[in-house]
Amino acid sequence: MSTESINYEAVIEDLEAKKAQLDATITMLRALSGLGTLGITPPSSPSGAGNGGTRIASDAFFGKSIPDAAVIHLGNVRKKLSTQALMDAMEAGGLPKSKYNTVYAILRRRESQVGDIVNMQGEWGLASWYPNHVKKTAKKAISAEEIQEAAGDEADAGGGNDVLEDEATA
């Protein structure tokens, strides 16, 4: 055995440099694969792990609509979020402050019309995370005009035989 002491500071610095290189490589690969880290900057210290570990750039959502910003943010954090958490993130990313009911209604409409986000027990997530999720479909109300058109189609079908009978007697 050698009696030399280990320079722990040099080892830590070397490992931190390698960690920074790995983080940069991971960020690049995410961007290339479409997962992206748009608008999210890495934490400044290792203690930033968890929910508060990322900061949103102040201009991350400029020019984006509320549902587009929500989809981008959900894709970046990769976990379900409440409406309020999404509102806070969108405001931090540069969108103007909106009322809770407005944001909720916009997200519900996006869920029913586009289907790329879903509300799972009060929290929003990306539909791609839940491939077996059965989407609720609203029953379509039948208007009086549609009923009359359907009745008219049946009458037209019966009236076509009269023409054949007229041609046969002529």
N, C-alpha and C. Protein backbone atom coordinates (compact mmCIF):
# COMPACT_ATOMS: atom_id res chain seq x y z
N MET A 1 0.82 -1.18 0.00
CA MET A 1 0.00 0.00 0.00
C MET A 1 0.87 1.24 0.00
N SER A 2 0.35 2.25 -0.68
CA SER A 2 1.11 3.48 -0.70
C SER A 2 0.63 4.38 0.43
N THR A 3 1.51 5.26 0.84
CA THR A 3 1.17 6.17 1.93
C THR A 3 0.74 7.53 1.41
N GLU A 4 0.54 7.63 0.08
CA GLU A 4 0.11 8.89 -0.51
C GLU A 4 -1.35 9.16 -0.15
N SER A 5 -1.66 10.41 0.12
CA SER A 5 -3.06 10.76 0.42
C SER A 5 -3.78 11.07 -0.90
N ILE A 6 -5.06 10.84 -0.89
CA ILE A 6 -5.88 11.08 -2.09
C ILE A 6 -6.35 12.53 -2.08
N ASN A 7 -6.18 13.18 -3.22
CA ASN A 7 -6.63 14.56 -3.36
C ASN A 7 -8.11 14.54 -3.76
N TYR A 8 -8.96 14.57 -2.75
CA TYR A 8 -10.39 14.46 -3.00
C TYR A 8 -10.94 15.66 -3.78
N GLU A 9 -10.38 16.82 -3.58
CA GLU A 9 -10.84 18.00 -4.30
C GLU A 9 -10.63 17.82 -5.81
N ALA A 10 -9.49 17.28 -6.21
CA ALA A 10 -9.22 17.06 -7.63
C ALA A 10 -10.16 16.02 -8.21
N VAL A 11 -10.45 14.97 -7.44
CA VAL A 11 -11.37 13.93 -7.90
C VAL A 11 -12.77 14.50 -8.07
N ILE A 12 -13.22 15.31 -7.12
CA ILE A 12 -14.55 15.93 -7.18
C ILE A 12 -14.64 16.87 -8.38
N GLU A 13 -13.60 17.68 -8.60
CA GLU A 13 -13.61 18.58 -9.76
C GLU A 13 -13.68 17.81 -11.06
N ASP A 14 -12.95 16.73 -11.15
CA ASP A 14 -12.96 15.90 -12.35
C ASP A 14 -14.35 15.29 -12.58
N LEU A 15 -14.96 14.79 -11.52
CA LEU A 15 -16.30 14.21 -11.66
C LEU A 15 -17.34 15.26 -12.02
N GLU A 16 -17.22 16.46 -11.45
CA GLU A 16 -18.16 17.53 -11.80
C GLU A 16 -18.02 17.93 -13.26
N ALA A 17 -16.80 17.97 -13.78
CA ALA A 17 -16.59 18.30 -15.19
C ALA A 17 -17.21 17.23 -16.08
N LYS A 18 -17.04 15.96 -15.70
CA LYS A 18 -17.65 14.88 -16.48
C LYS A 18 -19.17 14.94 -16.40
N LYS A 19 -19.71 15.29 -15.24
CA LYS A 19 -21.17 15.42 -15.08
C LYS A 19 -21.71 16.53 -15.98
N ALA A 20 -20.99 17.66 -16.04
CA ALA A 20 -21.42 18.77 -16.90
C ALA A 20 -21.44 18.34 -18.37
N GLN A 21 -20.44 17.56 -18.77
CA GLN A 21 -20.40 17.07 -20.15
C GLN A 21 -21.58 16.12 -20.41
N LEU A 22 -21.88 15.25 -19.46
CA LEU A 22 -23.02 14.34 -19.62
C LEU A 22 -24.33 15.09 -19.69
N ASP A 23 -24.50 16.11 -18.83
CA ASP A 23 -25.72 16.92 -18.86
C ASP A 23 -25.89 17.61 -20.21
N ALA A 24 -24.80 18.13 -20.74
CA ALA A 24 -24.85 18.80 -22.05
C ALA A 24 -25.22 17.80 -23.14
N THR A 25 -24.68 16.60 -23.07
CA THR A 25 -24.99 15.56 -24.06
C THR A 25 -26.45 15.14 -23.97
N ILE A 26 -26.95 14.97 -22.75
CA ILE A 26 -28.35 14.60 -22.57
C ILE A 26 -29.27 15.68 -23.11
N THR A 27 -28.96 16.94 -22.83
CA THR A 27 -29.77 18.05 -23.34
C THR A 27 -29.79 18.06 -24.86
N MET A 28 -28.63 17.84 -25.47
CA MET A 28 -28.56 17.82 -26.93
C MET A 28 -29.39 16.66 -27.49
N LEU A 29 -29.26 15.49 -26.89
CA LEU A 29 -30.01 14.33 -27.38
C LEU A 29 -31.52 14.52 -27.23
N ARG A 30 -31.95 15.13 -26.13
CA ARG A 30 -33.38 15.42 -25.97
C ARG A 30 -33.88 16.36 -27.05
N ALA A 31 -33.09 17.38 -27.34
CA ALA A 31 -33.47 18.33 -28.38
C ALA A 31 -33.56 17.64 -29.73
N LEU A 32 -32.61 16.76 -30.00
CA LEU A 32 -32.61 16.05 -31.28
C LEU A 32 -33.77 15.06 -31.40
N SER A 33 -34.15 14.46 -30.28
CA SER A 33 -35.21 13.46 -30.33
C SER A 33 -36.60 14.07 -30.26
N GLY A 34 -36.70 15.38 -30.12
CA GLY A 34 -38.01 16.02 -30.09
C GLY A 34 -38.57 16.16 -28.69
N LEU A 35 -37.90 15.60 -27.70
CA LEU A 35 -38.38 15.75 -26.33
C LEU A 35 -38.11 17.17 -25.86
N GLY A 36 -36.98 17.70 -26.23
CA GLY A 36 -36.65 19.09 -26.03
C GLY A 36 -36.65 19.55 -24.59
N THR A 37 -35.95 20.62 -24.36
CA THR A 37 -35.97 21.29 -23.08
C THR A 37 -36.26 22.76 -23.33
N LEU A 38 -37.11 23.02 -24.29
CA LEU A 38 -37.43 24.39 -24.68
C LEU A 38 -37.93 25.18 -23.48
N GLY A 39 -37.25 26.25 -23.20
CA GLY A 39 -37.70 27.13 -22.14
C GLY A 39 -37.32 26.71 -20.75
N ILE A 40 -36.62 25.62 -20.59
CA ILE A 40 -36.25 25.18 -19.25
C ILE A 40 -34.74 25.22 -19.13
N THR A 41 -34.28 25.88 -18.10
CA THR A 41 -32.84 25.92 -17.85
C THR A 41 -32.53 24.98 -16.70
N PRO A 42 -31.36 24.34 -16.73
CA PRO A 42 -31.03 23.41 -15.67
C PRO A 42 -30.85 24.13 -14.35
N PRO A 43 -31.02 23.42 -13.24
CA PRO A 43 -30.84 24.05 -11.94
C PRO A 43 -29.38 24.47 -11.76
N SER A 44 -29.17 25.51 -10.96
CA SER A 44 -27.81 26.00 -10.76
C SER A 44 -27.03 25.17 -9.78
N SER A 45 -27.73 24.38 -8.96
CA SER A 45 -27.03 23.54 -7.99
C SER A 45 -27.67 22.16 -7.95
N PRO A 46 -26.93 21.15 -7.51
CA PRO A 46 -27.48 19.81 -7.43
C PRO A 46 -28.64 19.70 -6.46
N SER A 47 -28.77 20.65 -5.53
CA SER A 47 -29.86 20.59 -4.56
C SER A 47 -31.19 20.94 -5.19
N GLY A 48 -31.20 21.33 -6.46
CA GLY A 48 -32.43 21.75 -7.13
C GLY A 48 -33.22 20.61 -7.69
N ALA A 49 -32.94 19.38 -7.30
CA ALA A 49 -33.67 18.24 -7.84
C ALA A 49 -35.10 18.25 -7.37
N GLY A 50 -35.96 17.63 -8.16
CA GLY A 50 -37.38 17.56 -7.79
C GLY A 50 -38.19 18.55 -8.56
N ASN A 51 -39.33 18.93 -8.00
CA ASN A 51 -40.28 19.81 -8.68
C ASN A 51 -39.72 21.18 -8.95
N GLY A 52 -38.99 21.77 -7.98
CA GLY A 52 -38.47 23.10 -8.15
C GLY A 52 -37.11 23.12 -8.82
N GLY A 53 -36.67 22.03 -9.39
CA GLY A 53 -35.34 21.91 -9.93
C GLY A 53 -35.14 22.58 -11.26
N THR A 54 -36.16 23.05 -11.91
CA THR A 54 -36.00 23.71 -13.19
C THR A 54 -36.62 25.09 -13.13
N ARG A 55 -35.99 25.99 -13.87
CA ARG A 55 -36.52 27.34 -13.97
C ARG A 55 -36.96 27.55 -15.41
N ILE A 56 -38.05 28.23 -15.59
CA ILE A 56 -38.58 28.47 -16.93
C ILE A 56 -38.06 29.81 -17.41
N ALA A 57 -37.54 29.83 -18.62
CA ALA A 57 -37.04 31.07 -19.20
C ALA A 57 -38.20 32.06 -19.32
N SER A 58 -37.91 33.33 -19.09
CA SER A 58 -38.97 34.34 -19.07
C SER A 58 -39.62 34.54 -20.44
N ASP A 59 -38.99 34.07 -21.50
CA ASP A 59 -39.55 34.21 -22.85
C ASP A 59 -39.90 32.87 -23.49
N ALA A 60 -40.02 31.83 -22.68
CA ALA A 60 -40.21 30.48 -23.21
C ALA A 60 -41.49 30.32 -24.01
N PHE A 61 -42.54 31.06 -23.66
CA PHE A 61 -43.83 30.86 -24.30
C PHE A 61 -44.29 32.08 -25.11
N PHE A 62 -43.38 33.00 -25.43
CA PHE A 62 -43.76 34.14 -26.26
C PHE A 62 -44.30 33.64 -27.59
N GLY A 63 -45.42 34.18 -28.01
CA GLY A 63 -46.01 33.81 -29.30
C GLY A 63 -46.77 32.50 -29.26
N LYS A 64 -46.89 31.89 -28.12
CA LYS A 64 -47.61 30.61 -28.00
C LYS A 64 -49.00 30.85 -27.41
N SER A 65 -49.91 29.98 -27.77
CA SER A 65 -51.24 30.02 -27.17
C SER A 65 -51.19 29.28 -25.84
N ILE A 66 -52.24 29.42 -25.05
CA ILE A 66 -52.29 28.74 -23.75
C ILE A 66 -52.18 27.23 -23.92
N PRO A 67 -52.96 26.60 -24.82
CA PRO A 67 -52.83 25.15 -24.93
C PRO A 67 -51.48 24.70 -25.48
N ASP A 68 -50.90 25.47 -26.41
CA ASP A 68 -49.57 25.11 -26.93
C ASP A 68 -48.51 25.21 -25.83
N ALA A 69 -48.60 26.26 -25.02
CA ALA A 69 -47.65 26.42 -23.92
C ALA A 69 -47.82 25.29 -22.90
N ALA A 70 -49.06 24.88 -22.65
CA ALA A 70 -49.31 23.79 -21.70
C ALA A 70 -48.71 22.49 -22.22
N VAL A 71 -48.89 22.21 -23.50
CA VAL A 71 -48.34 20.98 -24.08
C VAL A 71 -46.81 21.00 -24.01
N ILE A 72 -46.20 22.13 -24.34
CA ILE A 72 -44.75 22.24 -24.29
C ILE A 72 -44.25 22.02 -22.86
N HIS A 73 -44.90 22.69 -21.91
CA HIS A 73 -44.45 22.58 -20.52
C HIS A 73 -44.64 21.17 -19.98
N LEU A 74 -45.78 20.55 -20.26
CA LEU A 74 -46.00 19.18 -19.80
C LEU A 74 -44.95 18.24 -20.40
N GLY A 75 -44.61 18.44 -21.65
CA GLY A 75 -43.59 17.62 -22.28
C GLY A 75 -42.23 17.80 -21.64
N ASN A 76 -41.95 19.00 -21.17
CA ASN A 76 -40.66 19.27 -20.54
C ASN A 76 -40.56 18.72 -19.13
N VAL A 77 -41.62 18.88 -18.33
CA VAL A 77 -41.54 18.41 -16.94
C VAL A 77 -41.87 16.93 -16.82
N ARG A 78 -42.55 16.38 -17.80
CA ARG A 78 -42.87 14.95 -17.88
C ARG A 78 -43.61 14.42 -16.66
N LYS A 79 -44.58 15.20 -16.19
CA LYS A 79 -45.46 14.71 -15.13
C LYS A 79 -46.74 15.51 -15.17
N LYS A 80 -47.80 14.95 -14.59
CA LYS A 80 -49.10 15.62 -14.56
C LYS A 80 -49.00 16.86 -13.68
N LEU A 81 -49.74 17.90 -14.08
CA LEU A 81 -49.75 19.14 -13.31
C LEU A 81 -51.17 19.64 -13.17
N SER A 82 -51.42 20.34 -12.08
CA SER A 82 -52.72 20.95 -11.87
C SER A 82 -52.86 22.16 -12.78
N THR A 83 -54.08 22.65 -12.90
CA THR A 83 -54.33 23.84 -13.71
C THR A 83 -53.54 25.01 -13.16
N GLN A 84 -53.53 25.16 -11.84
CA GLN A 84 -52.81 26.27 -11.22
C GLN A 84 -51.31 26.18 -11.49
N ALA A 85 -50.74 24.99 -11.42
CA ALA A 85 -49.31 24.83 -11.69
C ALA A 85 -49.00 25.19 -13.15
N LEU A 86 -49.88 24.81 -14.06
CA LEU A 86 -49.68 25.18 -15.47
C LEU A 86 -49.79 26.69 -15.63
N MET A 87 -50.75 27.31 -14.95
CA MET A 87 -50.90 28.77 -15.03
C MET A 87 -49.64 29.48 -14.53
N ASP A 88 -49.10 29.00 -13.42
CA ASP A 88 -47.87 29.60 -12.88
C ASP A 88 -46.71 29.46 -13.85
N ALA A 89 -46.58 28.29 -14.46
CA ALA A 89 -45.50 28.06 -15.41
C ALA A 89 -45.66 28.94 -16.65
N MET A 90 -46.89 29.06 -17.14
CA MET A 90 -47.11 29.88 -18.34
C MET A 90 -46.83 31.35 -18.05
N GLU A 91 -47.20 31.80 -16.86
CA GLU A 91 -46.92 33.18 -16.49
C GLU A 91 -45.41 33.40 -16.36
N ALA A 92 -44.71 32.44 -15.77
CA ALA A 92 -43.25 32.53 -15.64
C ALA A 92 -42.59 32.50 -17.02
N GLY A 93 -43.23 31.84 -18.00
CA GLY A 93 -42.69 31.73 -19.35
C GLY A 93 -43.06 32.87 -20.26
N GLY A 94 -43.74 33.88 -19.74
CA GLY A 94 -44.00 35.07 -20.53
C GLY A 94 -45.42 35.28 -21.01
N LEU A 95 -46.32 34.35 -20.74
CA LEU A 95 -47.72 34.58 -21.12
C LEU A 95 -48.38 35.50 -20.11
N PRO A 96 -49.32 36.32 -20.56
CA PRO A 96 -50.01 37.19 -19.60
C PRO A 96 -50.85 36.37 -18.62
N LYS A 97 -51.07 36.95 -17.45
CA LYS A 97 -51.85 36.28 -16.41
C LYS A 97 -53.28 36.08 -16.91
N SER A 98 -53.83 34.91 -16.64
CA SER A 98 -55.20 34.58 -17.05
C SER A 98 -55.96 34.07 -15.84
N LYS A 99 -57.27 34.12 -15.94
CA LYS A 99 -58.11 33.60 -14.86
C LYS A 99 -58.13 32.08 -14.91
N TYR A 100 -58.29 31.48 -13.74
CA TYR A 100 -58.31 30.02 -13.61
C TYR A 100 -59.37 29.42 -14.52
N ASN A 101 -60.61 29.95 -14.45
CA ASN A 101 -61.71 29.39 -15.24
C ASN A 101 -61.44 29.46 -16.74
N THR A 102 -60.78 30.53 -17.17
CA THR A 102 -60.46 30.68 -18.59
C THR A 102 -59.46 29.61 -19.03
N VAL A 103 -58.40 29.44 -18.27
CA VAL A 103 -57.38 28.46 -18.62
C VAL A 103 -57.97 27.05 -18.59
N TYR A 104 -58.76 26.75 -17.58
CA TYR A 104 -59.37 25.43 -17.47
C TYR A 104 -60.27 25.15 -18.67
N ALA A 105 -61.10 26.14 -19.05
CA ALA A 105 -62.00 25.97 -20.19
C ALA A 105 -61.22 25.78 -21.49
N ILE A 106 -60.14 26.52 -21.66
CA ILE A 106 -59.33 26.39 -22.87
C ILE A 106 -58.70 25.00 -22.94
N LEU A 107 -58.20 24.52 -21.81
CA LEU A 107 -57.58 23.19 -21.79
C LEU A 107 -58.62 22.09 -22.02
N ARG A 108 -59.83 22.25 -21.46
CA ARG A 108 -60.89 21.28 -21.69
C ARG A 108 -61.27 21.23 -23.17
N ARG A 109 -61.36 22.41 -23.78
CA ARG A 109 -61.69 22.46 -25.21
C ARG A 109 -60.59 21.80 -26.03
N ARG A 110 -59.34 22.04 -25.66
CA ARG A 110 -58.22 21.41 -26.37
C ARG A 110 -58.29 19.90 -26.21
N GLU A 111 -58.67 19.45 -25.02
CA GLU A 111 -58.78 18.01 -24.77
C GLU A 111 -59.85 17.39 -25.67
N SER A 112 -60.98 18.07 -25.82
CA SER A 112 -62.07 17.48 -26.61
C SER A 112 -61.88 17.65 -28.12
N GLN A 113 -61.24 18.74 -28.55
CA GLN A 113 -61.11 18.98 -29.98
C GLN A 113 -59.84 18.40 -30.58
N VAL A 114 -58.71 18.57 -29.93
CA VAL A 114 -57.44 18.10 -30.47
C VAL A 114 -57.06 16.76 -29.85
N GLY A 115 -57.22 16.66 -28.53
CA GLY A 115 -56.98 15.40 -27.85
C GLY A 115 -55.54 15.12 -27.47
N ASP A 116 -54.65 16.13 -27.57
CA ASP A 116 -53.26 15.88 -27.21
C ASP A 116 -52.98 16.03 -25.72
N ILE A 117 -53.93 16.61 -24.98
CA ILE A 117 -53.82 16.67 -23.53
C ILE A 117 -55.08 16.06 -22.92
N VAL A 118 -54.94 15.53 -21.72
CA VAL A 118 -56.07 14.92 -21.03
C VAL A 118 -56.06 15.35 -19.57
N ASN A 119 -57.25 15.38 -18.98
CA ASN A 119 -57.38 15.66 -17.56
C ASN A 119 -57.58 14.34 -16.86
N MET A 120 -56.62 14.00 -16.02
CA MET A 120 -56.67 12.74 -15.28
C MET A 120 -56.81 13.07 -13.80
N GLN A 121 -58.02 12.93 -13.29
CA GLN A 121 -58.31 13.14 -11.88
C GLN A 121 -57.84 14.52 -11.41
N GLY A 122 -58.15 15.54 -12.19
CA GLY A 122 -57.86 16.91 -11.80
C GLY A 122 -56.50 17.43 -12.20
N GLU A 123 -55.67 16.61 -12.81
CA GLU A 123 -54.36 17.07 -13.26
C GLU A 123 -54.24 16.82 -14.76
N TRP A 124 -53.50 17.71 -15.42
CA TRP A 124 -53.33 17.64 -16.87
C TRP A 124 -52.08 16.86 -17.23
N GLY A 125 -52.21 16.04 -18.26
CA GLY A 125 -51.08 15.29 -18.78
C GLY A 125 -51.20 15.16 -20.28
N LEU A 126 -50.16 14.66 -20.91
CA LEU A 126 -50.20 14.45 -22.36
C LEU A 126 -50.91 13.13 -22.67
N ALA A 127 -51.73 13.14 -23.69
CA ALA A 127 -52.49 11.95 -24.06
C ALA A 127 -51.55 10.80 -24.44
N SER A 128 -50.38 11.12 -24.95
CA SER A 128 -49.43 10.07 -25.35
C SER A 128 -48.93 9.27 -24.14
N TRP A 129 -49.06 9.82 -22.95
CA TRP A 129 -48.65 9.11 -21.75
C TRP A 129 -49.67 8.05 -21.35
N TYR A 130 -50.89 8.17 -21.84
CA TYR A 130 -51.99 7.29 -21.45
C TYR A 130 -52.64 6.67 -22.69
N PRO A 131 -51.97 5.74 -23.36
CA PRO A 131 -52.51 5.20 -24.61
C PRO A 131 -53.81 4.40 -24.41
N ASN A 132 -54.06 3.91 -23.22
CA ASN A 132 -55.27 3.13 -22.98
C ASN A 132 -56.40 3.96 -22.38
N HIS A 133 -56.20 5.27 -22.27
CA HIS A 133 -57.22 6.14 -21.71
C HIS A 133 -58.39 6.25 -22.70
N VAL A 134 -59.59 5.96 -22.22
CA VAL A 134 -60.78 6.04 -23.06
C VAL A 134 -61.30 7.47 -22.98
N LYS A 135 -61.39 8.10 -24.14
CA LYS A 135 -61.85 9.46 -24.20
C LYS A 135 -63.37 9.49 -24.08
N LYS A 136 -63.87 10.39 -23.25
CA LYS A 136 -65.31 10.54 -23.11
C LYS A 136 -65.85 11.23 -24.36
N THR A 137 -66.92 10.69 -24.90
CA THR A 137 -67.54 11.33 -26.06
C THR A 137 -68.90 11.85 -25.66
N ALA A 138 -69.17 13.07 -26.03
CA ALA A 138 -70.45 13.67 -25.71
C ALA A 138 -71.51 13.16 -26.67
N LYS A 139 -72.71 12.97 -26.15
CA LYS A 139 -73.80 12.55 -27.02
C LYS A 139 -74.22 13.73 -27.87
N LYS A 140 -74.39 13.49 -29.14
CA LYS A 140 -74.74 14.56 -30.06
C LYS A 140 -76.23 14.81 -29.98
N ALA A 141 -76.59 16.05 -29.80
CA ALA A 141 -78.00 16.41 -29.75
C ALA A 141 -78.53 16.45 -31.18
N ILE A 142 -79.68 15.86 -31.39
CA ILE A 142 -80.29 15.82 -32.71
C ILE A 142 -81.27 16.98 -32.80
N SER A 143 -81.08 17.82 -33.81
CA SER A 143 -81.95 18.98 -33.96
C SER A 143 -83.23 18.58 -34.68
N ALA A 144 -84.24 19.44 -34.58
CA ALA A 144 -85.51 19.20 -35.25
C ALA A 144 -85.32 19.13 -36.76
N GLU A 145 -84.41 19.94 -37.29
CA GLU A 145 -84.15 19.93 -38.73
C GLU A 145 -83.61 18.57 -39.18
N GLU A 146 -82.70 17.99 -38.38
CA GLU A 146 -82.14 16.69 -38.73
C GLU A 146 -83.22 15.61 -38.70
N ILE A 147 -84.15 15.72 -37.78
CA ILE A 147 -85.25 14.75 -37.72
C ILE A 147 -86.13 14.90 -38.95
N GLN A 148 -86.43 16.13 -39.35
CA GLN A 148 -87.24 16.36 -40.55
C GLN A 148 -86.53 15.87 -41.80
N GLU A 149 -85.22 16.10 -41.88
CA GLU A 149 -84.47 15.63 -43.04
C GLU A 149 -84.50 14.11 -43.12
N ALA A 150 -84.35 13.45 -41.97
CA ALA A 150 -84.40 11.99 -41.95
C ALA A 150 -85.77 11.50 -42.37
N ALA A 151 -86.82 12.16 -41.91
CA ALA A 151 -88.18 11.78 -42.29
C ALA A 151 -88.41 12.05 -43.77
N GLY A 152 -87.85 13.14 -44.26
CA GLY A 152 -87.98 13.47 -45.68
C GLY A 152 -87.26 12.46 -46.56
N ASP A 153 -86.12 11.96 -46.12
CA ASP A 153 -85.38 10.96 -46.88
C ASP A 153 -86.19 9.67 -47.00
N GLU A 154 -86.89 9.29 -45.92
CA GLU A 154 -87.70 8.08 -45.96
C GLU A 154 -88.88 8.27 -46.91
N ALA A 155 -89.46 9.46 -46.91
CA ALA A 155 -90.58 9.73 -47.81
C ALA A 155 -90.11 9.72 -49.26
N ASP A 156 -88.94 10.27 -49.52
CA ASP A 156 -88.40 10.27 -50.87
C ASP A 156 -88.13 8.85 -51.36
N ALA A 157 -87.70 8.00 -50.46
CA ALA A 157 -87.43 6.62 -50.85
C ALA A 157 -88.72 5.93 -51.27
N GLY A 158 -89.81 6.21 -50.60
CA GLY A 158 -91.10 5.61 -50.96
C GLY A 158 -91.68 6.25 -52.21
N GLY A 159 -91.41 7.54 -52.44
CA GLY A 159 -91.96 8.25 -53.60
C GLY A 159 -91.32 7.82 -54.89
N GLY A 160 -90.17 7.24 -54.86
CA GLY A 160 -89.48 6.81 -56.07
C GLY A 160 -90.23 5.69 -56.77
N ASN A 161 -90.99 4.89 -56.07
CA ASN A 161 -91.74 3.80 -56.66
C ASN A 161 -92.88 4.32 -57.52
N ASP A 162 -93.45 5.49 -57.19
CA ASP A 162 -94.52 6.06 -57.97
C ASP A 162 -94.05 6.37 -59.38
N VAL A 163 -92.84 6.83 -59.51
CA VAL A 163 -92.30 7.15 -60.83
C VAL A 163 -92.21 5.88 -61.65
N LEU A 164 -91.75 4.78 -61.07
CA LEU A 164 -91.66 3.53 -61.79
C LEU A 164 -93.03 3.03 -62.21
N GLU A 165 -94.02 3.21 -61.33
CA GLU A 165 -95.37 2.77 -61.67
C GLU A 165 -95.94 3.61 -62.82
N ASP A 166 -95.66 4.93 -62.81
CA ASP A 166 -96.14 5.81 -63.87
C ASP A 166 -95.51 5.42 -65.21
N GLU A 167 -94.25 5.07 -65.19
CA GLU A 167 -93.59 4.69 -66.43
C GLU A 167 -94.12 3.37 -66.95
N ALA A 168 -94.51 2.46 -66.05
CA ALA A 168 -95.01 1.17 -66.45
C ALA A 168 -96.40 1.29 -67.09
N THR A 169 -97.21 2.21 -66.62
CA THR A 169 -98.57 2.37 -67.18
C THR A 169 -98.54 3.18 -68.45
N ALA A 170 -97.48 3.93 -68.69
CA ALA A 170 -97.44 4.78 -69.89
C ALA A 170 -97.11 4.03 -71.13
